[in-house]
Amino acid sequence: MRLAAGLFLASLLVAAGATSAWKAQDWRYGKKLAEQAQLHQDDLAAISSAAATQQRADQDKHIALEQRLAIADQSHHQELTNAQKDQARLRDRLATADLRLSVLVDAADTASGCAVPATTATGGLVHGAPRARLDPAHAQRIVGITDDGDQGLIALQACQAYVRAFTR
């Protein structure tokens, strides 16, 4: 019986030792898992912070681009408005005969059949090369053509500014 009691006591001690070994190992692994979980959490926080910083930088770039485009659009609108006002003034001056368009005439060109004198008559106010006045209706059409050309050039400059804003 003593032998059985001794064996029983020995097995209890071995079982208790094994249980405490398991508990110690569980405690060590639990500590390692907690450390890994904290490192993982720190990595996620760093990634989130970097993503938020990148998003703010992208938003700042987007806002700056929108501001540059708004300024360019406002500038384009102002240039177009000014050109239209200038063209309207020019058309009005042509319509009231306050302004007359003329062209230089090649006095040496005999093939044209134009008999414009090479010199101005006595009492004339125009000095220099001979000129021929354009009919006001033709002058209006010429001004309309130049107006369309000016608007096209302004639109082209606006498009170029828009592209430049994106390539900065």
Protein backbone atom coordinates (compact mmCIF):
# COMPACT_ATOMS: atom_id res chain seq x y z
CA MET A 1 0.00 0.00 0.00
CA ARG A 2 2.81 2.25 0.76
CA LEU A 3 4.13 1.54 -2.64
CA ALA A 4 0.78 2.34 -4.22
CA ALA A 5 0.50 5.49 -2.15
CA GLY A 6 4.04 6.48 -3.15
CA LEU A 7 3.29 5.85 -6.79
CA PHE A 8 0.07 7.79 -6.48
CA LEU A 9 1.89 10.66 -4.82
CA ALA A 10 4.64 10.56 -7.45
CA SER A 11 2.10 10.59 -10.26
CA LEU A 12 0.37 13.54 -8.61
CA LEU A 13 3.66 15.38 -8.45
CA VAL A 14 4.42 14.58 -12.10
CA ALA A 15 0.93 15.68 -13.12
CA ALA A 16 1.25 18.87 -11.10
CA GLY A 17 4.65 19.53 -12.67
CA ALA A 18 3.28 18.90 -16.15
CA THR A 19 0.32 21.16 -15.46
CA SER A 20 2.56 23.92 -14.21
CA ALA A 21 4.80 23.43 -17.28
CA TRP A 22 1.74 23.77 -19.47
CA LYS A 23 0.69 26.85 -17.54
CA ALA A 24 4.16 28.40 -17.88
CA GLN A 25 4.24 27.62 -21.59
CA ASP A 26 0.72 29.00 -21.99
CA TRP A 27 1.78 32.14 -20.12
CA ARG A 28 4.86 32.59 -22.38
CA TYR A 29 2.86 32.02 -25.58
CA GLY A 30 0.12 34.32 -24.35
CA LYS A 31 2.71 37.00 -23.73
CA LYS A 32 4.19 36.51 -27.22
CA LEU A 33 0.74 36.61 -28.80
CA ALA A 34 -0.06 39.82 -26.92
CA GLU A 35 3.22 41.36 -28.12
CA GLN A 36 2.50 40.32 -31.71
CA ALA A 37 -1.03 41.68 -31.46
CA GLN A 38 0.36 45.01 -30.19
CA LEU A 39 2.95 45.12 -33.00
CA HIS A 40 0.21 44.36 -35.52
CA GLN A 41 -1.95 47.12 -34.03
CA ASP A 42 1.00 49.55 -34.21
CA ASP A 43 1.60 48.62 -37.87
CA LEU A 44 -2.07 49.17 -38.68
CA ALA A 45 -1.99 52.55 -36.94
CA ALA A 46 1.12 53.57 -38.90
CA ILE A 47 -0.47 52.45 -42.19
CA SER A 48 -3.67 54.35 -41.36
CA SER A 49 -1.70 57.45 -40.47
CA ALA A 50 0.30 57.26 -43.71
CA ALA A 51 -2.88 56.76 -45.72
CA ALA A 52 -4.55 59.73 -44.03
CA THR A 53 -1.48 61.89 -44.67
CA GLN A 54 -1.44 60.85 -48.33
CA GLN A 55 -5.17 61.54 -48.65
CA ARG A 56 -4.72 65.03 -47.15
CA ALA A 57 -1.84 65.72 -49.55
CA ASP A 58 -3.96 64.55 -52.50
CA GLN A 59 -6.87 66.70 -51.34
CA ASP A 60 -4.56 69.71 -51.00
CA LYS A 61 -3.26 69.12 -54.54
CA HIS A 62 -6.82 68.78 -55.83
CA ILE A 63 -7.91 72.01 -54.12
CA ALA A 64 -4.86 73.86 -55.48
CA LEU A 65 -5.60 72.57 -58.98
CA GLU A 66 -9.23 73.65 -58.71
CA GLN A 67 -8.13 77.10 -57.58
CA ARG A 68 -5.66 77.43 -60.48
CA LEU A 69 -8.35 76.31 -62.93
CA ALA A 70 -10.87 78.76 -61.46
CA ILE A 71 -8.36 81.61 -61.80
CA ALA A 72 -7.54 80.58 -65.37
CA ASP A 73 -11.25 80.34 -66.21
CA GLN A 74 -11.89 83.77 -64.73
CA SER A 75 -8.94 85.19 -66.67
CA HIS A 76 -10.19 83.55 -69.89
CA HIS A 77 -13.69 84.94 -69.32
CA GLN A 78 -12.29 88.43 -68.70
CA GLU A 79 -10.13 88.31 -71.84
CA LEU A 80 -13.08 87.12 -73.91
CA THR A 81 -15.35 89.82 -72.48
CA ASN A 82 -12.74 92.51 -73.16
CA ALA A 83 -12.23 91.30 -76.73
CA GLN A 84 -15.97 91.27 -77.34
CA LYS A 85 -16.30 94.82 -75.96
CA ASP A 86 -13.42 96.01 -78.16
CA GLN A 87 -14.96 94.38 -81.22
CA ALA A 88 -18.38 95.91 -80.43
CA ARG A 89 -16.79 99.36 -80.07
CA LEU A 90 -14.97 98.89 -83.36
CA ARG A 91 -18.16 97.81 -85.13
CA ASP A 92 -20.01 100.81 -83.69
CA ARG A 93 -17.30 103.20 -84.84
CA LEU A 94 -17.38 101.66 -88.31
CA ALA A 95 -21.18 101.90 -88.44
CA THR A 96 -21.18 105.58 -87.50
CA ALA A 97 -18.38 106.36 -89.96
CA ASP A 98 -16.30 107.58 -87.04
CA LEU A 99 -13.68 105.11 -88.23
CA ARG A 100 -12.97 103.93 -91.76
CA LEU A 101 -10.98 100.93 -92.83
CA SER A 102 -8.67 101.33 -95.76
CA VAL A 103 -6.12 99.25 -97.62
CA LEU A 104 -2.84 100.13 -99.22
CA VAL A 105 -3.02 100.34 -102.98
CA ASP A 106 -0.13 99.32 -105.18
CA ALA A 107 0.05 102.32 -107.51
CA ALA A 108 2.57 100.54 -109.73
CA ASP A 109 0.11 97.70 -110.47
CA THR A 110 -1.40 98.66 -113.82
CA ALA A 111 -3.02 95.26 -114.32
CA SER A 112 -5.62 95.89 -111.64
CA GLY A 113 -7.27 98.62 -113.67
CA CYS A 114 -7.50 100.84 -110.60
CA ALA A 115 -6.83 104.43 -111.40
CA VAL A 116 -5.85 105.63 -107.94
CA PRO A 117 -3.39 108.50 -108.14
CA ALA A 118 0.01 107.87 -106.60
CA THR A 119 0.03 111.26 -104.90
CA THR A 120 -2.63 112.91 -102.86
CA ALA A 121 -4.47 115.85 -104.25
CA THR A 122 -3.83 119.34 -102.99
CA GLY A 123 -5.70 119.95 -99.77
CA GLY A 124 -5.81 116.27 -98.86
CA LEU A 125 -5.12 115.27 -95.30
CA VAL A 126 -3.64 111.86 -96.00
CA HIS A 127 0.07 111.71 -96.61
CA GLY A 128 2.06 108.65 -97.56
CA ALA A 129 1.22 105.64 -99.68
CA PRO A 130 -2.07 105.68 -101.59
CA ARG A 131 -4.97 103.97 -99.82
CA ALA A 132 -8.45 102.92 -100.83
CA ARG A 133 -11.34 103.05 -98.38
CA LEU A 134 -13.41 99.91 -97.85
CA ASP A 135 -17.15 99.85 -98.05
CA PRO A 136 -18.56 99.92 -94.47
CA ALA A 137 -20.41 96.61 -95.01
CA HIS A 138 -17.16 94.92 -96.07
CA ALA A 139 -15.39 96.50 -93.13
CA GLN A 140 -18.07 95.07 -90.79
CA ARG A 141 -17.54 91.58 -92.26
CA ILE A 142 -13.77 91.90 -91.83
CA VAL A 143 -14.24 92.94 -88.20
CA GLY A 144 -16.56 89.94 -87.68
CA ILE A 145 -13.91 87.62 -89.08
CA THR A 146 -11.21 89.09 -86.85
CA ASP A 147 -13.60 88.83 -83.90
CA ASP A 148 -14.05 85.11 -84.56
CA GLY A 149 -10.28 84.72 -84.86
CA ASP A 150 -9.68 86.59 -81.60
CA GLN A 151 -12.21 84.41 -79.80
CA GLY A 152 -10.55 81.29 -81.23
CA LEU A 153 -7.13 82.43 -80.05
CA ILE A 154 -8.45 83.23 -76.58
CA ALA A 155 -10.12 79.80 -76.40
CA LEU A 156 -6.87 78.15 -77.52
CA GLN A 157 -4.93 79.99 -74.82
CA ALA A 158 -7.50 78.87 -72.25
CA CYS A 159 -7.14 75.25 -73.36
CA GLN A 160 -3.35 75.48 -73.19
CA ALA A 161 -3.55 76.97 -69.69
CA TYR A 162 -5.89 74.13 -68.67
CA VAL A 163 -3.45 71.50 -69.94
CA ARG A 164 -0.52 73.27 -68.26
CA ALA A 165 -2.43 73.25 -64.96
CA PHE A 166 -2.71 69.46 -65.11
CA THR A 167 0.90 68.88 -66.08
CA ARG A 168 2.37 70.86 -63.20
